[in-house]
Amino acid sequence: MAYEDLDPDDAGPIRWSVSVRADGDREITLAEIVELADAVAEHGGIASGMGTTSYGAQVLVVADGPRRAAELASAVLTEAAARAGLPDWPVADVHVMSEEMDIAEDDEPVVF
């Protein structure tokens, strides 16, 4: 299923894998990423960003379309970052992929 085949506002409630990244102005430590990983684990998530000036997570959300999935995952990252004691940096990048898109070899993630 290609992105063009999806109605961005109504693809039906399906599971989406969403990668979200927030960029800032200082290097993130291993201890901070471990805290972030703990905070996103309940969403089937993994965390990244050690040694960079950004932090991020890949999480699973259930949503009616890619835009809603991006919104939900961005909120998950923002809340998890606050719980982990990370700076409140703006979300800079969001990539969304449905299970159907993941199965198809020629589909690329939706980027917001």
PDB file of N, CA and C in Angstrom:
ATOM      1  N   MET A   1       0.849  -1.177   0.000  1.00  0.00           N
ATOM      2  CA  MET A   1       0.000   0.000   0.000  1.00  0.00           C
ATOM      3  C   MET A   1       0.890   1.234   0.000  1.00  0.00           C
ATOM      4  N   ALA A   2       0.749   2.066  -0.963  1.00  0.00           N
ATOM      5  CA  ALA A   2       1.529   3.293  -1.055  1.00  0.00           C
ATOM      6  C   ALA A   2       0.845   4.403  -0.277  1.00  0.00           C
ATOM      7  N   TYR A   3       1.632   5.382   0.132  1.00  0.00           N
ATOM      8  CA  TYR A   3       1.086   6.520   0.863  1.00  0.00           C
ATOM      9  C   TYR A   3      -0.007   7.203   0.062  1.00  0.00           C
ATOM     10  N   GLU A   4       0.182   7.283  -1.253  1.00  0.00           N
ATOM     11  CA  GLU A   4      -0.817   7.944  -2.093  1.00  0.00           C
ATOM     12  C   GLU A   4      -2.176   7.262  -1.986  1.00  0.00           C
ATOM     13  N   ASP A   5      -2.188   5.974  -1.640  1.00  0.00           N
ATOM     14  CA  ASP A   5      -3.428   5.222  -1.517  1.00  0.00           C
ATOM     15  C   ASP A   5      -4.137   5.476  -0.194  1.00  0.00           C
ATOM     16  N   LEU A   6      -3.453   6.136   0.742  1.00  0.00           N
ATOM     17  CA  LEU A   6      -4.039   6.411   2.055  1.00  0.00           C
ATOM     18  C   LEU A   6      -4.700   7.770   2.055  1.00  0.00           C
ATOM     19  N   ASP A   7      -5.859   7.851   2.650  1.00  0.00           N
ATOM     20  CA  ASP A   7      -6.449   9.151   2.950  1.00  0.00           C
ATOM     21  C   ASP A   7      -5.764   9.597   4.231  1.00  0.00           C
ATOM     22  N   PRO A   8      -4.981  10.677   4.219  1.00  0.00           N
ATOM     23  CA  PRO A   8      -4.191  11.045   5.387  1.00  0.00           C
ATOM     24  C   PRO A   8      -5.015  11.328   6.636  1.00  0.00           C
ATOM     25  N   ASP A   9      -6.292  11.559   6.472  1.00  0.00           N
ATOM     26  CA  ASP A   9      -7.117  11.833   7.641  1.00  0.00           C
ATOM     27  C   ASP A   9      -7.971  10.649   8.064  1.00  0.00           C
ATOM     28  N   ASP A  10      -8.001   9.571   7.255  1.00  0.00           N
ATOM     29  CA  ASP A  10      -8.844   8.440   7.606  1.00  0.00           C
ATOM     30  C   ASP A  10      -8.361   7.153   6.947  1.00  0.00           C
ATOM     31  N   ALA A  11      -7.306   6.579   7.511  1.00  0.00           N
ATOM     32  CA  ALA A  11      -6.817   5.297   6.992  1.00  0.00           C
ATOM     33  C   ALA A  11      -7.351   4.148   7.840  1.00  0.00           C
ATOM     34  N   GLY A  12      -8.223   4.448   8.788  1.00  0.00           N
ATOM     35  CA  GLY A  12      -8.737   3.434   9.698  1.00  0.00           C
ATOM     36  C   GLY A  12      -7.803   3.244  10.874  1.00  0.00           C
ATOM     37  N   PRO A  13      -8.338   2.790  11.997  1.00  0.00           N
ATOM     38  CA  PRO A  13      -7.477   2.614  13.173  1.00  0.00           C
ATOM     39  C   PRO A  13      -6.535   1.429  12.991  1.00  0.00           C
ATOM     40  N   ILE A  14      -5.293   1.727  12.731  1.00  0.00           N
ATOM     41  CA  ILE A  14      -4.268   0.708  12.568  1.00  0.00           C
ATOM     42  C   ILE A  14      -3.042   1.093  13.392  1.00  0.00           C
ATOM     43  N   ARG A  15      -2.123   0.142  13.502  1.00  0.00           N
ATOM     44  CA  ARG A  15      -0.902   0.403  14.259  1.00  0.00           C
ATOM     45  C   ARG A  15       0.138   1.048  13.347  1.00  0.00           C
ATOM     46  N   TRP A  16       0.773   2.088  13.883  1.00  0.00           N
ATOM     47  CA  TRP A  16       1.790   2.836  13.161  1.00  0.00           C
ATOM     48  C   TRP A  16       3.090   2.800  13.960  1.00  0.00           C
ATOM     49  N   SER A  17       4.196   2.650  13.254  1.00  0.00           N
ATOM     50  CA  SER A  17       5.527   2.783  13.839  1.00  0.00           C
ATOM     51  C   SER A  17       6.006   4.185  13.494  1.00  0.00           C
ATOM     52  N   VAL A  18       6.304   4.962  14.529  1.00  0.00           N
ATOM     53  CA  VAL A  18       6.635   6.371  14.312  1.00  0.00           C
ATOM     54  C   VAL A  18       7.978   6.697  14.948  1.00  0.00           C
ATOM     55  N   SER A  19       8.852   7.291  14.160  1.00  0.00           N
ATOM     56  CA  SER A  19      10.135   7.789  14.663  1.00  0.00           C
ATOM     57  C   SER A  19      10.028   9.296  14.817  1.00  0.00           C
ATOM     58  N   VAL A  20      10.354   9.784  16.005  1.00  0.00           N
ATOM     59  CA  VAL A  20      10.248  11.211  16.321  1.00  0.00           C
ATOM     60  C   VAL A  20      11.590  11.684  16.868  1.00  0.00           C
ATOM     61  N   ARG A  21      12.043  12.855  16.402  1.00  0.00           N
ATOM     62  CA  ARG A  21      13.312  13.409  16.881  1.00  0.00           C
ATOM     63  C   ARG A  21      13.136  14.863  17.271  1.00  0.00           C
ATOM     64  N   ALA A  22      13.728  15.228  18.406  1.00  0.00           N
ATOM     65  CA  ALA A  22      13.756  16.620  18.857  1.00  0.00           C
ATOM     66  C   ALA A  22      15.200  17.095  18.851  1.00  0.00           C
ATOM     67  N   ASP A  23      15.434  18.295  18.328  1.00  0.00           N
ATOM     68  CA  ASP A  23      16.779  18.853  18.238  1.00  0.00           C
ATOM     69  C   ASP A  23      16.963  19.976  19.246  1.00  0.00           C
ATOM     70  N   GLY A  24      18.195  20.059  19.770  1.00  0.00           N
ATOM     71  CA  GLY A  24      18.485  21.093  20.745  1.00  0.00           C
ATOM     72  C   GLY A  24      19.893  21.629  20.626  1.00  0.00           C
ATOM     73  N   ASP A  25      20.413  22.079  21.770  1.00  0.00           N
ATOM     74  CA  ASP A  25      21.676  22.809  21.733  1.00  0.00           C
ATOM     75  C   ASP A  25      22.768  22.257  22.649  1.00  0.00           C
ATOM     76  N   ARG A  26      22.596  21.037  23.124  1.00  0.00           N
ATOM     77  CA  ARG A  26      23.656  20.426  23.930  1.00  0.00           C
ATOM     78  C   ARG A  26      23.670  18.923  23.703  1.00  0.00           C
ATOM     79  N   GLU A  27      24.784  18.303  24.024  1.00  0.00           N
ATOM     80  CA  GLU A  27      24.939  16.871  23.825  1.00  0.00           C
ATOM     81  C   GLU A  27      24.150  16.086  24.881  1.00  0.00           C
ATOM     82  N   ILE A  28      23.520  15.016  24.443  1.00  0.00           N
ATOM     83  CA  ILE A  28      22.725  14.158  25.325  1.00  0.00           C
ATOM     84  C   ILE A  28      23.609  13.019  25.833  1.00  0.00           C
ATOM     85  N   THR A  29      23.492  12.733  27.124  1.00  0.00           N
ATOM     86  CA  THR A  29      24.332  11.704  27.749  1.00  0.00           C
ATOM     87  C   THR A  29      23.671  10.325  27.677  1.00  0.00           C
ATOM     88  N   LEU A  30      24.475   9.315  27.911  1.00  0.00           N
ATOM     89  CA  LEU A  30      23.961   7.945  27.963  1.00  0.00           C
ATOM     90  C   LEU A  30      22.908   7.809  29.053  1.00  0.00           C
ATOM     91  N   ALA A  31      23.163   8.368  30.227  1.00  0.00           N
ATOM     92  CA  ALA A  31      22.210   8.275  31.333  1.00  0.00           C
ATOM     93  C   ALA A  31      20.859   8.879  30.955  1.00  0.00           C
ATOM     94  N   GLU A  32      20.863   9.977  30.210  1.00  0.00           N
ATOM     95  CA  GLU A  32      19.609  10.607  29.794  1.00  0.00           C
ATOM     96  C   GLU A  32      18.857   9.713  28.793  1.00  0.00           C
ATOM     97  N   ILE A  33      19.586   9.084  27.884  1.00  0.00           N
ATOM     98  CA  ILE A  33      18.936   8.210  26.907  1.00  0.00           C
ATOM     99  C   ILE A  33      18.375   6.969  27.588  1.00  0.00           C
ATOM    100  N   VAL A  34      19.070   6.464  28.610  1.00  0.00           N
ATOM    101  CA  VAL A  34      18.545   5.321  29.371  1.00  0.00           C
ATOM    102  C   VAL A  34      17.221   5.703  30.033  1.00  0.00           C
ATOM    103  N   GLU A  35      17.159   6.895  30.611  1.00  0.00           N
ATOM    104  CA  GLU A  35      15.907   7.378  31.221  1.00  0.00           C
ATOM    105  C   GLU A  35      14.807   7.525  30.167  1.00  0.00           C
ATOM    106  N   LEU A  36      15.168   8.045  28.998  1.00  0.00           N
ATOM    107  CA  LEU A  36      14.182   8.186  27.924  1.00  0.00           C
ATOM    108  C   LEU A  36      13.699   6.817  27.454  1.00  0.00           C
ATOM    109  N   ALA A  37      14.614   5.865  27.342  1.00  0.00           N
ATOM    110  CA  ALA A  37      14.236   4.504  26.931  1.00  0.00           C
ATOM    111  C   ALA A  37      13.238   3.904  27.913  1.00  0.00           C
ATOM    112  N   ASP A  38      13.474   4.103  29.199  1.00  0.00           N
ATOM    113  CA  ASP A  38      12.522   3.618  30.209  1.00  0.00           C
ATOM    114  C   ASP A  38      11.156   4.275  30.030  1.00  0.00           C
ATOM    115  N   ALA A  39      11.151   5.561  29.701  1.00  0.00           N
ATOM    116  CA  ALA A  39       9.895   6.308  29.584  1.00  0.00           C
ATOM    117  C   ALA A  39       9.096   5.929  28.335  1.00  0.00           C
ATOM    118  N   VAL A  40       9.762   5.500  27.256  1.00  0.00           N
ATOM    119  CA  VAL A  40       9.024   5.139  26.033  1.00  0.00           C
ATOM    120  C   VAL A  40       8.748   3.639  25.928  1.00  0.00           C
ATOM    121  N   ALA A  41       9.294   2.868  26.847  1.00  0.00           N
ATOM    122  CA  ALA A  41       9.129   1.406  26.783  1.00  0.00           C
ATOM    123  C   ALA A  41       7.668   0.982  26.810  1.00  0.00           C
ATOM    124  N   GLU A  42       6.829   1.683  27.547  1.00  0.00           N
ATOM    125  CA  GLU A  42       5.413   1.309  27.626  1.00  0.00           C
ATOM    126  C   GLU A  42       4.680   1.488  26.298  1.00  0.00           C
ATOM    127  N   HIS A  43       5.317   2.176  25.352  1.00  0.00           N
ATOM    128  CA  HIS A  43       4.739   2.368  24.024  1.00  0.00           C
ATOM    129  C   HIS A  43       5.463   1.516  22.990  1.00  0.00           C
ATOM    130  N   GLY A  44       6.123   0.451  23.458  1.00  0.00           N
ATOM    131  CA  GLY A  44       6.882  -0.405  22.562  1.00  0.00           C
ATOM    132  C   GLY A  44       8.050   0.340  21.945  1.00  0.00           C
ATOM    133  N   GLY A  45       8.546   1.332  22.669  1.00  0.00           N
ATOM    134  CA  GLY A  45       9.526   2.236  22.093  1.00  0.00           C
ATOM    135  C   GLY A  45      10.976   1.946  22.405  1.00  0.00           C
ATOM    136  N   ILE A  46      11.807   2.529  21.571  1.00  0.00           N
ATOM    137  CA  ILE A  46      13.246   2.553  21.790  1.00  0.00           C
ATOM    138  C   ILE A  46      13.689   4.012  21.704  1.00  0.00           C
ATOM    139  N   ALA A  47      14.797   4.324  22.356  1.00  0.00           N
ATOM    140  CA  ALA A  47      15.283   5.704  22.394  1.00  0.00           C
ATOM    141  C   ALA A  47      16.640   5.801  21.713  1.00  0.00           C
ATOM    142  N   SER A  48      16.946   7.004  21.237  1.00  0.00           N
ATOM    143  CA  SER A  48      18.235   7.242  20.592  1.00  0.00           C
ATOM    144  C   SER A  48      18.690   8.664  20.884  1.00  0.00           C
ATOM    145  N   GLY A  49      19.979   8.912  20.608  1.00  0.00           N
ATOM    146  CA  GLY A  49      20.480  10.274  20.709  1.00  0.00           C
ATOM    147  C   GLY A  49      21.732  10.464  21.533  1.00  0.00           C
ATOM    148  N   MET A  50      22.250   9.415  22.169  1.00  0.00           N
ATOM    149  CA  MET A  50      23.428   9.574  22.999  1.00  0.00           C
ATOM    150  C   MET A  50      24.582  10.174  22.196  1.00  0.00           C
ATOM    151  N   GLY A  51      25.208  11.202  22.756  1.00  0.00           N
ATOM    152  CA  GLY A  51      26.354  11.825  22.124  1.00  0.00           C
ATOM    153  C   GLY A  51      26.017  12.786  21.000  1.00  0.00           C
ATOM    154  N   THR A  52      24.732  13.095  20.830  1.00  0.00           N
ATOM    155  CA  THR A  52      24.308  14.028  19.782  1.00  0.00           C
ATOM    156  C   THR A  52      23.558  15.192  20.415  1.00  0.00           C
ATOM    157  N   THR A  53      23.227  16.181  19.617  1.00  0.00           N
ATOM    158  CA  THR A  53      22.445  17.319  20.110  1.00  0.00           C
ATOM    159  C   THR A  53      20.963  17.125  19.782  1.00  0.00           C
ATOM    160  N   SER A  54      20.525  15.877  19.861  1.00  0.00           N
ATOM    161  CA  SER A  54      19.113  15.556  19.668  1.00  0.00           C
ATOM    162  C   SER A  54      18.794  14.291  20.451  1.00  0.00           C
ATOM    163  N   TYR A  55      17.508  14.089  20.703  1.00  0.00           N
ATOM    164  CA  TYR A  55      17.051  12.819  21.265  1.00  0.00           C
ATOM    165  C   TYR A  55      15.808  12.410  20.494  1.00  0.00           C
ATOM    166  N   GLY A  56      15.541  11.118  20.507  1.00  0.00           N
ATOM    167  CA  GLY A  56      14.393  10.654  19.761  1.00  0.00           C
ATOM    168  C   GLY A  56      13.920   9.305  20.239  1.00  0.00           C
ATOM    169  N   ALA A  57      12.835   8.866  19.629  1.00  0.00           N
ATOM    170  CA  ALA A  57      12.268   7.568  19.967  1.00  0.00           C
ATOM    171  C   ALA A  57      11.512   7.034  18.764  1.00  0.00           C
ATOM    172  N   GLN A  58      11.445   5.721  18.708  1.00  0.00           N
ATOM    173  CA  GLN A  58      10.556   5.051  17.771  1.00  0.00           C
ATOM    174  C   GLN A  58       9.519   4.356  18.627  1.00  0.00           C
ATOM    175  N   VAL A  59       8.248   4.677  18.413  1.00  0.00           N
ATOM    176  CA  VAL A  59       7.167   4.148  19.235  1.00  0.00           C
ATOM    177  C   VAL A  59       6.054   3.599  18.350  1.00  0.00           C
ATOM    178  N   LEU A  60       5.194   2.792  18.958  1.00  0.00           N
ATOM    179  CA  LEU A  60       4.008   2.265  18.286  1.00  0.00           C
ATOM    180  C   LEU A  60       2.775   2.995  18.799  1.00  0.00           C
ATOM    181  N   VAL A  61       1.927   3.428  17.872  1.00  0.00           N
ATOM    182  CA  VAL A  61       0.668   4.076  18.243  1.00  0.00           C
ATOM    183  C   VAL A  61      -0.438   3.506  17.360  1.00  0.00           C
ATOM    184  N   VAL A  62      -1.661   3.597  17.837  1.00  0.00           N
ATOM    185  CA  VAL A  62      -2.833   3.217  17.047  1.00  0.00           C
ATOM    186  C   VAL A  62      -3.559   4.505  16.704  1.00  0.00           C
ATOM    187  N   ALA A  63      -3.764   4.708  15.400  1.00  0.00           N
ATOM    188  CA  ALA A  63      -4.390   5.951  14.951  1.00  0.00           C
ATOM    189  C   ALA A  63      -5.154   5.706  13.662  1.00  0.00           C
ATOM    190  N   ASP A  64      -6.015   6.665  13.314  1.00  0.00           N
ATOM    191  CA  ASP A  64      -6.838   6.576  12.110  1.00  0.00           C
ATOM    192  C   ASP A  64      -6.105   7.004  10.846  1.00  0.00           C
ATOM    193  N   GLY A  65      -4.926   7.552  10.963  1.00  0.00           N
ATOM    194  CA  GLY A  65      -4.173   7.985   9.793  1.00  0.00           C
ATOM    195  C   GLY A  65      -2.792   8.443  10.175  1.00  0.00           C
ATOM    196  N   PRO A  66      -1.945   8.710   9.190  1.00  0.00           N
ATOM    197  CA  PRO A  66      -0.562   9.073   9.474  1.00  0.00           C
ATOM    198  C   PRO A  66      -0.400  10.402  10.203  1.00  0.00           C
ATOM    199  N   ARG A  67      -1.255  11.366   9.904  1.00  0.00           N
ATOM    200  CA  ARG A  67      -1.143  12.653  10.611  1.00  0.00           C
ATOM    201  C   ARG A  67      -1.442  12.484  12.095  1.00  0.00           C
ATOM    202  N   ARG A  68      -2.497  11.741  12.398  1.00  0.00           N
ATOM    203  CA  ARG A  68      -2.851  11.515  13.808  1.00  0.00           C
ATOM    204  C   ARG A  68      -1.759  10.690  14.493  1.00  0.00           C
ATOM    205  N   ALA A  69      -1.196   9.717  13.784  1.00  0.00           N
ATOM    206  CA  ALA A  69      -0.101   8.926  14.347  1.00  0.00           C
ATOM    207  C   ALA A  69       1.090   9.819  14.687  1.00  0.00           C
ATOM    208  N   ALA A  70       1.407  10.762  13.801  1.00  0.00           N
ATOM    209  CA  ALA A  70       2.514  11.693  14.054  1.00  0.00           C
ATOM    210  C   ALA A  70       2.229  12.557  15.278  1.00  0.00           C
ATOM    211  N   GLU A  71       0.993  13.025  15.404  1.00  0.00           N
ATOM    212  CA  GLU A  71       0.616  13.843  16.567  1.00  0.00           C
ATOM    213  C   GLU A  71       0.751  13.049  17.863  1.00  0.00           C
ATOM    214  N   LEU A  72       0.225  11.820  17.861  1.00  0.00           N
ATOM    215  CA  LEU A  72       0.277  10.992  19.069  1.00  0.00           C
ATOM    216  C   LEU A  72       1.715  10.667  19.459  1.00  0.00           C
ATOM    217  N   ALA A  73       2.524  10.291  18.490  1.00  0.00           N
ATOM    218  CA  ALA A  73       3.920   9.943  18.789  1.00  0.00           C
ATOM    219  C   ALA A  73       4.713  11.157  19.264  1.00  0.00           C
ATOM    220  N   SER A  74       4.437  12.313  18.700  1.00  0.00           N
ATOM    221  CA  SER A  74       5.113  13.535  19.159  1.00  0.00           C
ATOM    222  C   SER A  74       4.758  13.827  20.612  1.00  0.00           C
ATOM    223  N   ALA A  75       3.501  13.617  20.964  1.00  0.00           N
ATOM    224  CA  ALA A  75       3.077  13.807  22.355  1.00  0.00           C
ATOM    225  C   ALA A  75       3.743  12.790  23.277  1.00  0.00           C
ATOM    226  N   VAL A  76       3.872  11.538  22.810  1.00  0.00           N
ATOM    227  CA  VAL A  76       4.553  10.507  23.597  1.00  0.00           C
ATOM    228  C   VAL A  76       5.990  10.935  23.866  1.00  0.00           C
ATOM    229  N   LEU A  77       6.703  11.409  22.824  1.00  0.00           N
ATOM    230  CA  LEU A  77       8.093  11.818  23.014  1.00  0.00           C
ATOM    231  C   LEU A  77       8.189  12.997  23.969  1.00  0.00           C
ATOM    232  N   THR A  78       7.326  13.981  23.816  1.00  0.00           N
ATOM    233  CA  THR A  78       7.360  15.156  24.677  1.00  0.00           C
ATOM    234  C   THR A  78       7.139  14.774  26.139  1.00  0.00           C
ATOM    235  N   GLU A  79       6.145  13.922  26.387  1.00  0.00           N
ATOM    236  CA  GLU A  79       5.859  13.475  27.754  1.00  0.00           C
ATOM    237  C   GLU A  79       7.002  12.623  28.304  1.00  0.00           C
ATOM    238  N   ALA A  80       7.521  11.715  27.494  1.00  0.00           N
ATOM    239  CA  ALA A  80       8.613  10.846  27.934  1.00  0.00           C
ATOM    240  C   ALA A  80       9.872  11.658  28.225  1.00  0.00           C
ATOM    241  N   ALA A  81      10.152  12.646  27.400  1.00  0.00           N
ATOM    242  CA  ALA A  81      11.326  13.496  27.624  1.00  0.00           C
ATOM    243  C   ALA A  81      11.199  14.254  28.938  1.00  0.00           C
ATOM    244  N   ALA A  82      10.017  14.751  29.232  1.00  0.00           N
ATOM    245  CA  ALA A  82       9.800  15.454  30.499  1.00  0.00           C
ATOM    246  C   ALA A  82      10.001  14.509  31.680  1.00  0.00           C
ATOM    247  N   ARG A  83       9.450  13.285  31.579  1.00  0.00           N
ATOM    248  CA  ARG A  83       9.629  12.302  32.652  1.00  0.00           C
ATOM    249  C   ARG A  83      11.089  11.912  32.814  1.00  0.00           C
ATOM    250  N   ALA A  84      11.848  11.934  31.734  1.00  0.00           N
ATOM    251  CA  ALA A  84      13.263  11.567  31.774  1.00  0.00           C
ATOM    252  C   ALA A  84      14.156  12.733  32.189  1.00  0.00           C
ATOM    253  N   GLY A  85      13.558  13.903  32.360  1.00  0.00           N
ATOM    254  CA  GLY A  85      14.335  15.075  32.762  1.00  0.00           C
ATOM    255  C   GLY A  85      15.111  15.723  31.633  1.00  0.00           C
ATOM    256  N   LEU A  86      14.714  15.449  30.403  1.00  0.00           N
ATOM    257  CA  LEU A  86      15.381  16.033  29.245  1.00  0.00           C
ATOM    258  C   LEU A  86      14.851  17.435  28.959  1.00  0.00           C
ATOM    259  N   PRO A  87      15.636  18.242  28.255  1.00  0.00           N
ATOM    260  CA  PRO A  87      15.167  19.588  27.895  1.00  0.00           C
ATOM    261  C   PRO A  87      13.931  19.516  26.990  1.00  0.00           C
ATOM    262  N   ASP A  88      13.105  20.541  27.062  1.00  0.00           N
ATOM    263  CA  ASP A  88      11.892  20.630  26.249  1.00  0.00           C
ATOM    264  C   ASP A  88      12.260  21.217  24.892  1.00  0.00           C
ATOM    265  N   TRP A  89      12.785  20.357  24.017  1.00  0.00           N
ATOM    266  CA  TRP A  89      13.197  20.790  22.688  1.00  0.00           C
ATOM    267  C   TRP A  89      12.082  20.538  21.682  1.00  0.00           C
ATOM    268  N   PRO A  90      12.041  21.343  20.629  1.00  0.00           N
ATOM    269  CA  PRO A  90      10.979  21.159  19.627  1.00  0.00           C
ATOM    270  C   PRO A  90      11.204  19.899  18.780  1.00  0.00           C
ATOM    271  N   VAL A  91      10.104  19.286  18.405  1.00  0.00           N
ATOM    272  CA  VAL A  91      10.161  18.136  17.503  1.00  0.00           C
ATOM    273  C   VAL A  91      10.615  18.645  16.138  1.00  0.00           C
ATOM    274  N   ALA A  92      11.647  18.017  15.597  1.00  0.00           N
ATOM    275  CA  ALA A  92      12.230  18.459  14.335  1.00  0.00           C
ATOM    276  C   ALA A  92      11.905  17.536  13.173  1.00  0.00           C
ATOM    277  N   ASP A  93      11.587  16.271  13.484  1.00  0.00           N
ATOM    278  CA  ASP A  93      11.430  15.295  12.415  1.00  0.00           C
ATOM    279  C   ASP A  93      10.513  14.171  12.882  1.00  0.00           C
ATOM    280  N   VAL A  94       9.580  13.766  12.010  1.00  0.00           N
ATOM    281  CA  VAL A  94       8.676  12.663  12.309  1.00  0.00           C
ATOM    282  C   VAL A  94       8.540  11.799  11.053  1.00  0.00           C
ATOM    283  N   HIS A  95       8.777  10.490  11.199  1.00  0.00           N
ATOM    284  CA  HIS A  95       8.604   9.529  10.113  1.00  0.00           C
ATOM    285  C   HIS A  95       7.557   8.507  10.556  1.00  0.00           C
ATOM    286  N   VAL A  96       6.555   8.278   9.730  1.00  0.00           N
ATOM    287  CA  VAL A  96       5.440   7.403  10.067  1.00  0.00           C
ATOM    288  C   VAL A  96       5.369   6.260   9.056  1.00  0.00           C
ATOM    289  N   MET A  97       5.199   5.039   9.586  1.00  0.00           N
ATOM    290  CA  MET A  97       5.045   3.884   8.703  1.00  0.00           C
ATOM    291  C   MET A  97       3.990   2.943   9.301  1.00  0.00           C
ATOM    292  N   SER A  98       3.039   2.529   8.467  1.00  0.00           N
ATOM    293  CA  SER A  98       2.036   1.572   8.920  1.00  0.00           C
ATOM    294  C   SER A  98       2.577   0.164   8.761  1.00  0.00           C
ATOM    295  N   GLU A  99       1.903  -0.797   9.392  1.00  0.00           N
ATOM    296  CA  GLU A  99       2.301  -2.189   9.226  1.00  0.00           C
ATOM    297  C   GLU A  99       2.222  -2.604   7.756  1.00  0.00           C
ATOM    298  N   GLU A 100       1.180  -2.151   7.045  1.00  0.00           N
ATOM    299  CA  GLU A 100       1.022  -2.491   5.642  1.00  0.00           C
ATOM    300  C   GLU A 100       2.157  -1.915   4.801  1.00  0.00           C
ATOM    301  N   MET A 101       2.560  -0.694   5.109  1.00  0.00           N
ATOM    302  CA  MET A 101       3.649  -0.059   4.380  1.00  0.00           C
ATOM    303  C   MET A 101       4.963  -0.773   4.661  1.00  0.00           C
ATOM    304  N   ASP A 102       5.130  -1.251   5.878  1.00  0.00           N
ATOM    305  CA  ASP A 102       6.352  -1.947   6.252  1.00  0.00           C
ATOM    306  C   ASP A 102       6.494  -3.259   5.491  1.00  0.00           C
ATOM    307  N   ILE A 103       5.375  -3.914   5.223  1.00  0.00           N
ATOM    308  CA  ILE A 103       5.385  -5.193   4.512  1.00  0.00           C
ATOM    309  C   ILE A 103       5.707  -4.989   3.032  1.00  0.00           C
ATOM    310  N   ALA A 104       5.183  -3.923   2.444  1.00  0.00           N
ATOM    311  CA  ALA A 104       5.432  -3.643   1.026  1.00  0.00           C
ATOM    312  C   ALA A 104       6.868  -3.155   0.851  1.00  0.00           C
ATOM    313  N   GLU A 105       7.564  -3.714  -0.118  1.00  0.00           N
ATOM    314  CA  GLU A 105       8.978  -3.399  -0.291  1.00  0.00           C
ATOM    315  C   GLU A 105       9.235  -2.015  -0.872  1.00  0.00           C
ATOM    316  N   ASP A 106       8.310  -1.479  -1.640  1.00  0.00           N
ATOM    317  CA  ASP A 106       8.569  -0.224  -2.327  1.00  0.00           C
ATOM    318  C   ASP A 106       8.045   1.003  -1.592  1.00  0.00           C
ATOM    319  N   ASP A 107       7.464   0.841  -0.435  1.00  0.00           N
ATOM    320  CA  ASP A 107       6.904   1.970   0.298  1.00  0.00           C
ATOM    321  C   ASP A 107       7.949   2.626   1.191  1.00  0.00           C
ATOM    322  N   GLU A 108       7.900   3.926   1.239  1.00  0.00           N
ATOM    323  CA  GLU A 108       8.762   4.735   2.093  1.00  0.00           C
ATOM    324  C   GLU A 108       7.917   5.297   3.234  1.00  0.00           C
ATOM    325  N   PRO A 109       8.555   5.595   4.390  1.00  0.00           N
ATOM    326  CA  PRO A 109       7.791   6.198   5.480  1.00  0.00           C
ATOM    327  C   PRO A 109       7.252   7.568   5.086  1.00  0.00           C
ATOM    328  N   VAL A 110       6.168   7.965   5.729  1.00  0.00           N
ATOM    329  CA  VAL A 110       5.601   9.286   5.546  1.00  0.00           C
ATOM    330  C   VAL A 110       6.386  10.233   6.433  1.00  0.00           C
ATOM    331  N   VAL A 111       6.870  11.330   5.880  1.00  0.00           N
ATOM    332  CA  VAL A 111       7.671  12.280   6.625  1.00  0.00           C
ATOM    333  C   VAL A 111       6.855  13.546   6.849  1.00  0.00           C
ATOM    334  N   PHE A 112       6.801  13.988   8.116  1.00  0.00           N
ATOM    335  CA  PHE A 112       6.118  15.248   8.452  1.00  0.00           C
ATOM    336  C   PHE A 112       7.128  16.236   8.955  1.00  0.00           C
TER     337      PHE A 112
END
